[in-house]
Amino acid sequence: DLMVGDEASECRSMLEVSYPMENGIVRSWEDMLHLWDHTFGPQRLNINPPDCKVLLTEPPLNPLKNRQKIAEVMFETYKFHGIYIAIQAVLTLYAQ
């Protein structure tokens, strides 16, 4: 079984927890897809990705292959209309 979000938090002590990202870089694509399915699906945002554009953040020095894979997944798996990937620190500066 797989649990994500609040459901997993409630049973945390009885679960084997895995984190798909390490230092802002995706390390487990399979787990990341489960997390995005949960986020975009009816449990959270309940969106139709082809009708949406998505803003994602990445750490500085994120490997190019990682960014390319994220773009591939967003376009080919979820069919988002558009994506923008920004460096986290840059967005922080805009917010101030």
N, C-alpha and C. Protein backbone atom coordinates (compact mmCIF):
# COMPACT_ATOMS: atom_id res chain seq x y z
N ASP A 1 0.83 -1.19 0.00
CA ASP A 1 0.00 0.00 0.00
C ASP A 1 0.87 1.25 0.00
N LEU A 2 0.31 2.30 -0.50
CA LEU A 2 1.00 3.58 -0.58
C LEU A 2 0.13 4.65 0.06
N MET A 3 0.73 5.45 0.91
CA MET A 3 0.01 6.56 1.53
C MET A 3 0.79 7.84 1.29
N VAL A 4 0.05 8.92 1.07
CA VAL A 4 0.66 10.23 0.81
C VAL A 4 -0.10 11.28 1.62
N GLY A 5 0.60 12.32 2.04
CA GLY A 5 -0.05 13.46 2.68
C GLY A 5 -0.55 13.19 4.08
N ASP A 6 -1.74 13.73 4.39
CA ASP A 6 -2.31 13.63 5.73
C ASP A 6 -2.51 12.18 6.15
N GLU A 7 -2.92 11.35 5.21
CA GLU A 7 -3.14 9.93 5.51
C GLU A 7 -1.84 9.29 6.02
N ALA A 8 -0.73 9.61 5.39
CA ALA A 8 0.56 9.07 5.81
C ALA A 8 1.00 9.66 7.14
N SER A 9 0.74 10.94 7.35
CA SER A 9 1.13 11.60 8.60
C SER A 9 0.45 10.97 9.81
N GLU A 10 -0.81 10.60 9.66
CA GLU A 10 -1.56 10.01 10.76
C GLU A 10 -1.01 8.66 11.18
N CYS A 11 -0.42 7.92 10.25
CA CYS A 11 0.09 6.56 10.53
C CYS A 11 1.61 6.50 10.49
N ARG A 12 2.25 7.63 10.57
CA ARG A 12 3.70 7.72 10.36
C ARG A 12 4.51 6.71 11.17
N SER A 13 4.14 6.47 12.42
CA SER A 13 4.92 5.58 13.28
C SER A 13 4.86 4.12 12.82
N MET A 14 3.87 3.78 12.01
CA MET A 14 3.73 2.40 11.55
C MET A 14 4.19 2.22 10.10
N LEU A 15 4.73 3.26 9.49
CA LEU A 15 5.07 3.21 8.07
C LEU A 15 6.57 3.26 7.84
N GLU A 16 6.95 2.76 6.70
CA GLU A 16 8.31 2.97 6.20
C GLU A 16 8.24 4.20 5.31
N VAL A 17 8.80 5.30 5.78
CA VAL A 17 8.67 6.57 5.09
C VAL A 17 9.82 6.75 4.10
N SER A 18 9.48 7.22 2.91
CA SER A 18 10.53 7.55 1.93
C SER A 18 10.29 8.96 1.41
N TYR A 19 11.35 9.62 1.09
CA TYR A 19 11.29 10.98 0.57
C TYR A 19 11.85 10.97 -0.85
N PRO A 20 11.05 11.36 -1.83
CA PRO A 20 11.52 11.28 -3.21
C PRO A 20 12.58 12.32 -3.57
N MET A 21 12.72 13.34 -2.73
CA MET A 21 13.70 14.39 -3.02
C MET A 21 14.75 14.46 -1.93
N GLU A 22 15.96 14.81 -2.34
CA GLU A 22 17.05 15.00 -1.41
C GLU A 22 17.77 16.29 -1.80
N ASN A 23 17.79 17.25 -0.90
CA ASN A 23 18.39 18.56 -1.18
C ASN A 23 17.80 19.21 -2.43
N GLY A 24 16.50 19.04 -2.61
CA GLY A 24 15.80 19.66 -3.73
C GLY A 24 15.93 18.95 -5.06
N ILE A 25 16.59 17.80 -5.08
CA ILE A 25 16.80 17.05 -6.32
C ILE A 25 16.05 15.73 -6.23
N VAL A 26 15.29 15.42 -7.27
CA VAL A 26 14.51 14.18 -7.28
C VAL A 26 15.46 12.99 -7.34
N ARG A 27 15.30 12.08 -6.39
CA ARG A 27 16.13 10.87 -6.32
C ARG A 27 15.32 9.62 -6.66
N SER A 28 14.01 9.68 -6.43
CA SER A 28 13.13 8.54 -6.74
C SER A 28 11.98 9.04 -7.60
N TRP A 29 12.08 8.82 -8.90
CA TRP A 29 11.05 9.31 -9.82
C TRP A 29 9.72 8.61 -9.60
N GLU A 30 9.75 7.34 -9.29
CA GLU A 30 8.50 6.60 -9.05
C GLU A 30 7.75 7.20 -7.87
N ASP A 31 8.45 7.46 -6.77
CA ASP A 31 7.82 8.07 -5.60
C ASP A 31 7.36 9.50 -5.89
N MET A 32 8.13 10.23 -6.68
CA MET A 32 7.76 11.61 -7.01
C MET A 32 6.48 11.62 -7.83
N LEU A 33 6.32 10.67 -8.75
CA LEU A 33 5.09 10.59 -9.53
C LEU A 33 3.88 10.33 -8.64
N HIS A 34 4.03 9.49 -7.63
CA HIS A 34 2.93 9.25 -6.68
C HIS A 34 2.57 10.55 -5.96
N LEU A 35 3.58 11.30 -5.57
CA LEU A 35 3.34 12.56 -4.87
C LEU A 35 2.64 13.57 -5.78
N TRP A 36 3.08 13.68 -7.03
CA TRP A 36 2.43 14.59 -7.97
C TRP A 36 1.01 14.13 -8.30
N ASP A 37 0.80 12.81 -8.43
CA ASP A 37 -0.56 12.30 -8.66
C ASP A 37 -1.49 12.76 -7.54
N HIS A 38 -1.02 12.65 -6.31
CA HIS A 38 -1.80 13.06 -5.14
C HIS A 38 -2.05 14.57 -5.17
N THR A 39 -1.02 15.33 -5.49
CA THR A 39 -1.11 16.80 -5.48
C THR A 39 -2.06 17.32 -6.55
N PHE A 40 -1.95 16.81 -7.76
CA PHE A 40 -2.76 17.31 -8.87
C PHE A 40 -4.15 16.69 -8.90
N GLY A 41 -4.33 15.57 -8.23
CA GLY A 41 -5.59 14.83 -8.27
C GLY A 41 -6.66 15.39 -7.36
N PRO A 42 -7.77 14.64 -7.24
CA PRO A 42 -8.93 15.12 -6.47
C PRO A 42 -8.67 15.28 -4.97
N GLN A 43 -7.62 14.64 -4.44
CA GLN A 43 -7.34 14.76 -3.01
C GLN A 43 -6.84 16.15 -2.63
N ARG A 44 -6.23 16.88 -3.57
CA ARG A 44 -5.66 18.19 -3.25
C ARG A 44 -6.15 19.27 -4.22
N LEU A 45 -5.42 19.49 -5.29
CA LEU A 45 -5.73 20.60 -6.19
C LEU A 45 -6.91 20.33 -7.12
N ASN A 46 -7.13 19.07 -7.45
CA ASN A 46 -8.24 18.66 -8.33
C ASN A 46 -8.24 19.49 -9.62
N ILE A 47 -7.12 19.44 -10.33
CA ILE A 47 -6.99 20.21 -11.57
C ILE A 47 -6.95 19.30 -12.78
N ASN A 48 -7.19 19.88 -13.93
CA ASN A 48 -7.02 19.20 -15.21
C ASN A 48 -5.76 19.79 -15.84
N PRO A 49 -4.61 19.12 -15.70
CA PRO A 49 -3.34 19.70 -16.14
C PRO A 49 -3.32 20.27 -17.56
N PRO A 50 -3.98 19.66 -18.56
CA PRO A 50 -3.94 20.27 -19.89
C PRO A 50 -4.54 21.69 -19.94
N ASP A 51 -5.34 22.03 -18.94
CA ASP A 51 -5.92 23.37 -18.87
C ASP A 51 -5.08 24.34 -18.04
N CYS A 52 -3.93 23.87 -17.55
CA CYS A 52 -3.15 24.65 -16.59
C CYS A 52 -1.69 24.79 -17.02
N LYS A 53 -1.06 25.79 -16.42
CA LYS A 53 0.39 25.94 -16.49
C LYS A 53 0.91 25.75 -15.07
N VAL A 54 2.14 25.29 -14.93
CA VAL A 54 2.66 25.00 -13.60
C VAL A 54 3.99 25.71 -13.38
N LEU A 55 4.16 26.25 -12.17
CA LEU A 55 5.41 26.88 -11.75
C LEU A 55 6.08 25.93 -10.78
N LEU A 56 7.30 25.53 -11.08
CA LEU A 56 8.07 24.64 -10.21
C LEU A 56 9.34 25.36 -9.79
N THR A 57 9.85 25.00 -8.62
CA THR A 57 11.11 25.58 -8.17
C THR A 57 12.18 24.51 -8.17
N GLU A 58 13.42 24.97 -8.26
CA GLU A 58 14.56 24.06 -8.22
C GLU A 58 15.68 24.72 -7.43
N PRO A 59 16.56 23.91 -6.86
CA PRO A 59 17.69 24.49 -6.14
C PRO A 59 18.73 25.02 -7.13
N PRO A 60 19.58 25.93 -6.67
CA PRO A 60 20.69 26.35 -7.53
C PRO A 60 21.55 25.12 -7.86
N LEU A 61 22.11 25.12 -9.02
CA LEU A 61 22.97 24.02 -9.49
C LEU A 61 22.22 22.70 -9.64
N ASN A 62 20.93 22.75 -9.83
CA ASN A 62 20.16 21.55 -10.13
C ASN A 62 20.71 20.95 -11.42
N PRO A 63 21.02 19.66 -11.44
CA PRO A 63 21.56 19.07 -12.67
C PRO A 63 20.59 19.23 -13.85
N LEU A 64 21.13 19.52 -15.01
CA LEU A 64 20.33 19.72 -16.21
C LEU A 64 19.45 18.50 -16.50
N LYS A 65 19.99 17.29 -16.28
CA LYS A 65 19.21 16.07 -16.53
C LYS A 65 17.97 16.03 -15.65
N ASN A 66 18.09 16.48 -14.42
CA ASN A 66 16.96 16.50 -13.50
C ASN A 66 15.88 17.46 -14.01
N ARG A 67 16.29 18.65 -14.44
CA ARG A 67 15.35 19.63 -14.97
C ARG A 67 14.68 19.11 -16.24
N GLN A 68 15.44 18.47 -17.10
CA GLN A 68 14.88 17.91 -18.34
C GLN A 68 13.86 16.82 -18.03
N LYS A 69 14.16 15.98 -17.05
CA LYS A 69 13.23 14.91 -16.67
C LYS A 69 11.94 15.49 -16.09
N ILE A 70 12.05 16.52 -15.28
CA ILE A 70 10.86 17.17 -14.72
C ILE A 70 10.00 17.72 -15.85
N ALA A 71 10.62 18.41 -16.80
CA ALA A 71 9.87 18.97 -17.93
C ALA A 71 9.21 17.86 -18.74
N GLU A 72 9.94 16.78 -18.96
CA GLU A 72 9.39 15.64 -19.70
C GLU A 72 8.16 15.08 -19.00
N VAL A 73 8.25 14.89 -17.70
CA VAL A 73 7.12 14.34 -16.93
C VAL A 73 5.93 15.30 -16.95
N MET A 74 6.18 16.59 -16.75
CA MET A 74 5.09 17.56 -16.73
C MET A 74 4.36 17.63 -18.07
N PHE A 75 5.11 17.56 -19.17
CA PHE A 75 4.49 17.63 -20.50
C PHE A 75 3.93 16.29 -20.96
N GLU A 76 4.70 15.22 -20.82
CA GLU A 76 4.29 13.93 -21.40
C GLU A 76 3.37 13.12 -20.50
N THR A 77 3.60 13.14 -19.20
CA THR A 77 2.76 12.35 -18.30
C THR A 77 1.50 13.11 -17.90
N TYR A 78 1.68 14.37 -17.48
CA TYR A 78 0.55 15.15 -16.98
C TYR A 78 -0.08 16.05 -18.05
N LYS A 79 0.63 16.29 -19.13
CA LYS A 79 0.10 17.08 -20.26
C LYS A 79 -0.19 18.54 -19.90
N PHE A 80 0.61 19.12 -19.00
CA PHE A 80 0.43 20.52 -18.67
C PHE A 80 0.56 21.37 -19.92
N HIS A 81 -0.18 22.46 -19.95
CA HIS A 81 -0.17 23.39 -21.09
C HIS A 81 1.17 24.12 -21.17
N GLY A 82 1.78 24.38 -20.02
CA GLY A 82 3.08 25.06 -19.98
C GLY A 82 3.71 24.89 -18.61
N ILE A 83 5.03 25.03 -18.57
CA ILE A 83 5.73 24.96 -17.28
C ILE A 83 6.77 26.08 -17.23
N TYR A 84 7.08 26.48 -16.01
CA TYR A 84 8.19 27.40 -15.77
C TYR A 84 8.93 26.88 -14.56
N ILE A 85 10.23 26.70 -14.70
CA ILE A 85 11.05 26.22 -13.60
C ILE A 85 11.97 27.36 -13.18
N ALA A 86 11.85 27.77 -11.92
CA ALA A 86 12.62 28.90 -11.41
C ALA A 86 13.50 28.46 -10.24
N ILE A 87 14.59 29.16 -10.07
CA ILE A 87 15.47 28.89 -8.93
C ILE A 87 14.81 29.46 -7.68
N GLN A 88 14.80 28.66 -6.63
CA GLN A 88 14.11 29.03 -5.39
C GLN A 88 14.57 30.38 -4.85
N ALA A 89 15.86 30.63 -4.82
CA ALA A 89 16.39 31.87 -4.25
C ALA A 89 15.94 33.09 -5.05
N VAL A 90 15.82 32.95 -6.35
CA VAL A 90 15.38 34.07 -7.19
C VAL A 90 13.94 34.44 -6.85
N LEU A 91 13.08 33.44 -6.68
CA LEU A 91 11.69 33.72 -6.32
C LEU A 91 11.61 34.37 -4.94
N THR A 92 12.50 33.98 -4.04
CA THR A 92 12.54 34.60 -2.72
C THR A 92 12.85 36.09 -2.83
N LEU A 93 13.77 36.43 -3.71
CA LEU A 93 14.11 37.85 -3.91
C LEU A 93 12.93 38.63 -4.46
N TYR A 94 12.19 38.05 -5.39
CA TYR A 94 11.01 38.72 -5.93
C TYR A 94 9.95 38.96 -4.86
N ALA A 95 9.89 38.08 -3.88
CA ALA A 95 8.86 38.17 -2.84
C ALA A 95 9.14 39.29 -1.83
N GLN A 96 10.37 39.78 -1.81
CA GLN A 96 10.72 40.78 -0.80
C GLN A 96 10.54 42.18 -1.26
